[in-house]
Amino acid sequence: MDPAETAPQEGARETAQASGKALKDNDLDGTRPSSADTQKSASEADATAKASATATTSENGVSSSASESSADGARAVAEKSDLYDFEYSYPAEAGKIPTLRSKLDDELDQEREALKSDALEARSDAKGRGFPYNAYSVNVNWEAVSDLPGWLSLSKLEWTYSGGAHGNSVFGSMLWDKNKDRMVAPVTLFESPMALTDAVREPFCEALNQQRAEKRGTPIVTDSEDIFTECIDPVESSALVPVSSNGRTFDRLTFLIPPYAAGPYAEGSYEVTLPVTQAVFDAVNPDYSAAFSKRR
């Protein structure tokens, strides 16, 4: 890959990863482990992790190296070759739930096979046109955000590169209903997407513009000719992640916003976290009201 293309790719990836890190660091309640506990857990994981030796294989005329590690339910897979670069990981909290683990393993296989197929087609096309081929890549990382007695809230960062000037990152999220052993889309916990948007629009737009102003070094003034001064729909343009600060209920909502959605590519991603106010609580579907509480 052209070194000139690597810098913007890595810069955008780091921006998105920083956003995901901020989401985890936002837990003020102690529901996430302390740094000391994390270091201890990491040491214990290292002692019990099962990692396959890096293997070299050849398929479709392409040599690749692959490695896989697992510890206490967590799984991380990595494959790299001149054709593609693939990584996929999920945390122990997800791997300890058999149905969810199976779902993520299926997604891993599907993502990997789709990447290989797309990369082979792109390489063949590039060769036929006399163009250089830049290896495709997909990097998927699931993180546990809040692990409650009845729910597991997860966020996903997916980085992709398909031969252009730079790669791009998108966010995703998932709720796992432990009692019913099933996946639930976070937005379905509310009466409707519009009900949630109406409940959070004003504080969301204010927080987003504050972050825009910090990145741009100037106050945000709405300009009809500049779409990046307009607010965005927090539900349609973001990955919604319910967050807990008490270890029992969701009392905050985080909106993970990918590059291009709220600002130019160079600004990277945005992340807005809002408390569950009375307005938000009123927008919750009554079937799920027990999963929420207002932030005090």
Protein backbone atom coordinates (compact mmCIF):
# COMPACT_ATOMS: atom_id res chain seq x y z
CA MET A 1 0.00 0.00 0.00
CA ASP A 2 1.19 3.47 -0.78
CA PRO A 3 2.60 5.00 2.45
CA ALA A 4 0.82 8.22 1.57
CA GLU A 5 -2.49 6.39 1.92
CA THR A 6 -1.63 4.77 5.23
CA ALA A 7 -1.53 7.94 7.33
CA PRO A 8 -5.14 9.07 6.81
CA GLN A 9 -6.38 5.54 7.28
CA GLU A 10 -4.62 5.15 10.59
CA GLY A 11 -5.62 8.63 11.71
CA ALA A 12 -9.30 7.96 11.15
CA ARG A 13 -9.05 4.55 12.77
CA GLU A 14 -7.38 6.07 15.85
CA THR A 15 -10.09 8.74 16.06
CA ALA A 16 -12.83 6.12 16.00
CA GLN A 17 -11.00 3.96 18.54
CA ALA A 18 -10.60 6.98 20.81
CA SER A 19 -14.35 7.51 20.60
CA GLY A 20 -14.95 3.93 21.67
CA LYS A 21 -12.45 4.33 24.51
CA ALA A 22 -14.26 7.46 25.68
CA LEU A 23 -17.51 5.50 25.77
CA LYS A 24 -15.95 2.94 28.09
CA ASP A 25 -14.25 5.59 30.21
CA ASN A 26 -17.55 7.41 30.61
CA ASP A 27 -18.80 4.85 33.13
CA LEU A 28 -18.52 6.81 36.38
CA ASP A 29 -20.27 4.33 38.60
CA GLY A 30 -17.75 1.59 38.98
CA THR A 31 -19.67 -0.83 36.76
CA ARG A 32 -16.49 -1.12 34.72
CA PRO A 33 -13.32 -2.43 36.42
CA SER A 34 -10.69 -0.12 37.84
CA SER A 35 -7.30 0.09 36.16
CA ALA A 36 -5.83 -2.13 38.87
CA ASP A 37 -8.56 -4.72 38.36
CA THR A 38 -8.06 -4.47 34.60
CA GLN A 39 -4.34 -5.12 34.95
CA LYS A 40 -5.04 -8.04 37.24
CA SER A 41 -7.64 -9.46 34.87
CA ALA A 42 -5.27 -9.01 31.95
CA SER A 43 -2.56 -10.92 33.81
CA GLU A 44 -4.98 -13.71 34.66
CA ALA A 45 -6.20 -13.79 31.07
CA ASP A 46 -2.64 -14.04 29.79
CA ALA A 47 -2.09 -17.00 32.07
CA THR A 48 -5.22 -18.83 30.85
CA ALA A 49 -5.41 -17.66 27.25
CA LYS A 50 -5.22 -20.24 24.52
CA ALA A 51 -3.48 -18.87 21.45
CA SER A 52 -2.86 -20.87 18.32
CA ALA A 53 0.56 -20.55 16.80
CA THR A 54 0.62 -18.29 13.78
CA ALA A 55 -0.05 -20.47 10.76
CA THR A 56 0.85 -19.82 7.15
CA THR A 57 -1.51 -21.13 4.49
CA SER A 58 -1.97 -20.72 0.75
CA GLU A 59 -5.31 -20.26 -0.99
CA ASN A 60 -6.09 -18.90 -4.44
CA GLY A 61 -2.40 -18.31 -4.91
CA VAL A 62 -2.21 -16.11 -1.81
CA SER A 63 -0.09 -16.87 1.23
CA SER A 64 -1.51 -15.63 4.51
CA SER A 65 -0.70 -15.71 8.20
CA ALA A 66 -3.41 -16.33 10.77
CA SER A 67 -3.64 -16.30 14.53
CA GLU A 68 -6.40 -16.80 17.05
CA SER A 69 -6.61 -16.33 20.80
CA SER A 70 -9.30 -16.98 23.37
CA ALA A 71 -9.59 -16.38 27.11
CA ASP A 72 -12.60 -16.82 29.39
CA GLY A 73 -15.00 -16.59 26.46
CA ALA A 74 -13.33 -13.74 24.60
CA ARG A 75 -12.15 -14.42 21.05
CA ALA A 76 -9.82 -12.60 18.69
CA VAL A 77 -9.00 -13.69 15.15
CA ALA A 78 -6.47 -12.09 12.80
CA GLU A 79 -5.48 -12.95 9.23
CA LYS A 80 -3.13 -10.98 7.01
CA SER A 81 -1.90 -11.37 3.44
CA ASP A 82 -1.17 -9.30 0.35
CA LEU A 83 -4.83 -9.84 -0.57
CA TYR A 84 -6.58 -8.85 2.64
CA ASP A 85 -6.20 -7.91 6.30
CA PHE A 86 -8.92 -9.27 8.60
CA GLU A 87 -9.44 -8.89 12.35
CA TYR A 88 -12.48 -9.72 14.47
CA SER A 89 -12.83 -9.77 18.24
CA TYR A 90 -15.50 -9.94 20.92
CA PRO A 91 -15.27 -9.75 24.74
CA ALA A 92 -15.62 -12.42 27.38
CA GLU A 93 -18.98 -11.03 28.51
CA ALA A 94 -20.40 -11.92 25.09
CA GLY A 95 -18.54 -15.20 24.70
CA LYS A 96 -19.93 -16.56 27.97
CA ILE A 97 -23.48 -16.45 26.54
CA PRO A 98 -23.68 -19.50 24.22
CA THR A 99 -26.39 -18.16 21.90
CA LEU A 100 -24.68 -14.80 21.53
CA ARG A 101 -21.28 -16.43 21.06
CA SER A 102 -22.71 -18.54 18.23
CA LYS A 103 -24.21 -15.46 16.60
CA LEU A 104 -20.91 -13.57 16.73
CA ASP A 105 -18.97 -16.57 15.45
CA ASP A 106 -21.35 -16.76 12.49
CA GLU A 107 -20.87 -13.03 11.84
CA LEU A 108 -17.10 -13.51 12.01
CA ASP A 109 -17.22 -16.24 9.35
CA GLN A 110 -19.54 -14.21 7.12
CA GLU A 111 -17.39 -11.07 7.37
CA ARG A 112 -14.23 -13.01 6.58
CA GLU A 113 -15.68 -14.84 3.57
CA ALA A 114 -17.22 -11.64 2.18
CA LEU A 115 -13.86 -9.87 2.51
CA LYS A 116 -12.02 -12.65 0.71
CA SER A 117 -14.56 -12.73 -2.10
CA ASP A 118 -14.55 -8.95 -2.57
CA ALA A 119 -10.75 -8.79 -2.41
CA LEU A 120 -10.29 -11.54 -5.00
CA GLU A 121 -12.71 -9.80 -7.36
CA ALA A 122 -11.04 -6.43 -6.84
CA ARG A 123 -7.55 -7.85 -7.41
CA SER A 124 -8.68 -9.53 -10.62
CA ASP A 125 -10.30 -6.32 -11.82
CA ALA A 126 -7.21 -4.27 -10.96
CA LYS A 127 -4.98 -6.70 -12.85
CA GLY A 128 -7.26 -6.59 -15.88
CA ARG A 129 -7.15 -2.79 -15.92
CA GLY A 130 -3.42 -2.61 -15.29
CA PHE A 131 -3.87 -0.91 -11.91
CA PRO A 132 -2.00 -1.68 -8.69
CA TYR A 133 -4.03 -3.55 -6.09
CA ASN A 134 -4.15 -2.32 -2.48
CA ALA A 135 -5.10 -5.00 0.02
CA TYR A 136 -8.64 -4.79 1.35
CA SER A 137 -9.21 -4.81 5.09
CA VAL A 138 -11.96 -5.34 7.64
CA ASN A 139 -11.43 -4.88 11.37
CA VAL A 140 -14.39 -5.55 13.69
CA ASN A 141 -14.14 -4.99 17.42
CA TRP A 142 -17.03 -5.59 19.83
CA GLU A 143 -16.80 -4.08 23.32
CA ALA A 144 -18.94 -4.73 26.41
CA VAL A 145 -20.25 -1.36 27.62
CA SER A 146 -22.66 -2.30 30.43
CA ASP A 147 -23.18 -5.78 31.84
CA LEU A 148 -26.39 -5.75 33.90
CA PRO A 149 -28.27 -8.63 35.58
CA GLY A 150 -30.77 -8.80 32.71
CA TRP A 151 -28.93 -7.06 29.88
CA LEU A 152 -25.60 -6.89 28.09
CA SER A 153 -24.98 -3.69 26.11
CA LEU A 154 -22.34 -3.88 23.39
CA SER A 155 -20.79 -1.39 21.00
CA LYS A 156 -19.08 -2.23 17.72
CA LEU A 157 -16.40 -0.43 15.75
CA GLU A 158 -15.93 -1.68 12.19
CA TRP A 159 -13.07 -0.35 10.08
CA THR A 160 -13.04 -1.09 6.35
CA TYR A 161 -10.71 -0.29 3.47
CA SER A 162 -11.49 -1.13 -0.15
CA GLY A 163 -8.71 0.40 -2.16
CA GLY A 164 -9.60 4.09 -2.14
CA ALA A 165 -7.75 7.10 -0.80
CA HIS A 166 -8.61 6.12 2.76
CA GLY A 167 -10.62 3.65 4.78
CA ASN A 168 -13.67 4.41 6.86
CA SER A 169 -15.17 3.42 10.18
CA VAL A 170 -18.75 2.78 11.21
CA PHE A 171 -20.28 2.08 14.60
CA GLY A 172 -22.83 -0.48 15.66
CA SER A 173 -24.49 -1.59 18.86
CA MET A 174 -26.40 -4.50 20.30
CA LEU A 175 -28.43 -5.31 23.39
CA TRP A 176 -28.70 -8.88 24.60
CA ASP A 177 -31.77 -9.75 26.65
CA LYS A 178 -30.38 -12.32 29.08
CA ASN A 179 -33.79 -13.38 30.37
CA LYS A 180 -35.14 -14.17 26.90
CA ASP A 181 -31.76 -15.09 25.40
CA ARG A 182 -32.18 -12.93 22.34
CA MET A 183 -30.80 -9.85 20.62
CA VAL A 184 -32.77 -6.61 20.89
CA ALA A 185 -32.11 -3.54 18.75
CA PRO A 186 -31.57 -0.66 21.23
CA VAL A 187 -34.04 1.67 19.51
CA THR A 188 -36.86 -0.85 19.99
CA LEU A 189 -36.73 -0.15 23.72
CA PHE A 190 -38.49 3.11 22.90
CA GLU A 191 -41.97 3.89 21.64
CA SER A 192 -40.52 4.80 18.24
CA PRO A 193 -37.35 6.28 16.73
CA MET A 194 -39.16 9.62 16.41
CA ALA A 195 -40.21 9.56 20.08
CA LEU A 196 -36.59 9.12 21.13
CA THR A 197 -35.36 11.77 18.68
CA ASP A 198 -37.89 14.29 20.01
CA ALA A 199 -36.84 13.53 23.60
CA VAL A 200 -33.12 14.10 23.04
CA ARG A 201 -32.87 16.44 20.05
CA GLU A 202 -32.25 19.71 21.92
CA PRO A 203 -29.54 18.49 24.34
CA PHE A 204 -28.02 16.31 21.61
CA CYS A 205 -27.66 19.19 19.17
CA GLU A 206 -26.22 21.44 21.86
CA ALA A 207 -23.63 18.85 22.88
CA LEU A 208 -22.75 18.07 19.26
CA ASN A 209 -22.18 21.74 18.43
CA GLN A 210 -19.98 22.15 21.48
CA GLN A 211 -17.77 19.34 20.22
CA ARG A 212 -17.80 20.73 16.70
CA ALA A 213 -16.71 24.12 18.01
CA GLU A 214 -13.85 22.54 19.95
CA LYS A 215 -12.62 20.67 16.89
CA ARG A 216 -12.99 23.64 14.53
CA GLY A 217 -11.83 26.33 16.93
CA THR A 218 -14.82 28.56 16.23
CA PRO A 219 -18.47 28.78 17.35
CA ILE A 220 -20.97 26.95 15.17
CA VAL A 221 -23.22 29.24 13.13
CA THR A 222 -25.93 27.54 11.11
CA ASP A 223 -25.32 28.02 7.39
CA SER A 224 -27.68 26.52 4.84
CA GLU A 225 -24.77 26.12 2.43
CA ASP A 226 -22.70 24.13 4.93
CA ILE A 227 -24.39 20.86 5.89
CA PHE A 228 -21.87 20.33 8.68
CA THR A 229 -23.32 23.23 10.66
CA GLU A 230 -26.77 21.61 10.70
CA CYS A 231 -27.76 19.23 13.44
CA ILE A 232 -28.32 15.58 12.54
CA ASP A 233 -30.97 13.09 13.54
CA PRO A 234 -29.43 11.42 16.62
CA VAL A 235 -31.17 8.10 15.97
CA GLU A 236 -30.78 7.81 12.20
CA SER A 237 -27.18 9.02 12.08
CA SER A 238 -25.74 7.29 15.14
CA ALA A 239 -25.28 3.94 16.82
CA LEU A 240 -27.39 4.05 20.00
CA VAL A 241 -25.74 2.50 23.05
CA PRO A 242 -27.66 2.27 26.36
CA VAL A 243 -25.25 2.79 29.27
CA SER A 244 -25.51 2.14 33.00
CA SER A 245 -23.76 4.04 35.77
CA ASN A 246 -25.36 2.08 38.62
CA GLY A 247 -24.95 -1.53 37.52
CA ARG A 248 -28.70 -2.17 37.59
CA THR A 249 -30.48 -0.03 34.99
CA PHE A 250 -29.70 2.10 31.95
CA ASP A 251 -29.52 5.75 32.98
CA ARG A 252 -27.56 7.19 30.06
CA LEU A 253 -27.61 6.99 26.29
CA THR A 254 -24.53 7.27 24.11
CA PHE A 255 -24.73 8.16 20.42
CA LEU A 256 -21.68 7.05 18.40
CA ILE A 257 -21.41 9.12 15.23
CA PRO A 258 -19.11 7.99 12.40
CA PRO A 259 -16.96 10.22 10.17
CA TYR A 260 -18.88 12.23 7.55
CA ALA A 261 -22.15 12.12 9.53
CA ALA A 262 -21.61 15.29 11.57
CA GLY A 263 -18.48 16.77 10.06
CA PRO A 264 -15.89 16.33 7.29
CA TYR A 265 -13.76 13.20 7.26
CA ALA A 266 -10.80 14.99 8.81
CA GLU A 267 -12.82 15.62 12.00
CA GLY A 268 -13.24 11.91 12.57
CA SER A 269 -16.03 10.52 14.72
CA TYR A 270 -18.18 12.13 17.39
CA GLU A 271 -19.67 10.76 20.59
CA VAL A 272 -22.53 12.31 22.56
CA THR A 273 -23.64 10.93 25.93
CA LEU A 274 -26.87 12.15 27.53
CA PRO A 275 -28.61 11.31 30.81
CA VAL A 276 -31.96 9.54 30.89
CA THR A 277 -34.19 12.49 31.72
CA GLN A 278 -37.93 12.46 32.32
CA ALA A 279 -38.45 13.21 28.63
CA VAL A 280 -36.36 10.20 27.65
CA PHE A 281 -38.06 8.00 30.23
CA ASP A 282 -41.45 9.02 28.85
CA ALA A 283 -40.33 7.84 25.40
CA VAL A 284 -39.45 4.35 26.65
CA ASN A 285 -41.69 1.49 25.57
CA PRO A 286 -43.63 0.45 28.71
CA ASP A 287 -42.52 -3.15 28.16
CA TYR A 288 -38.95 -2.05 28.89
CA SER A 289 -39.48 0.66 31.51
CA ALA A 290 -37.96 -1.53 34.25
CA ALA A 291 -34.64 -1.50 32.35
CA PHE A 292 -34.32 2.30 32.73
CA SER A 293 -33.99 4.86 35.48
CA LYS A 294 -33.55 8.60 35.42
CA ARG A 295 -30.01 9.83 36.04
CA ARG A 296 -29.81 11.58 39.40
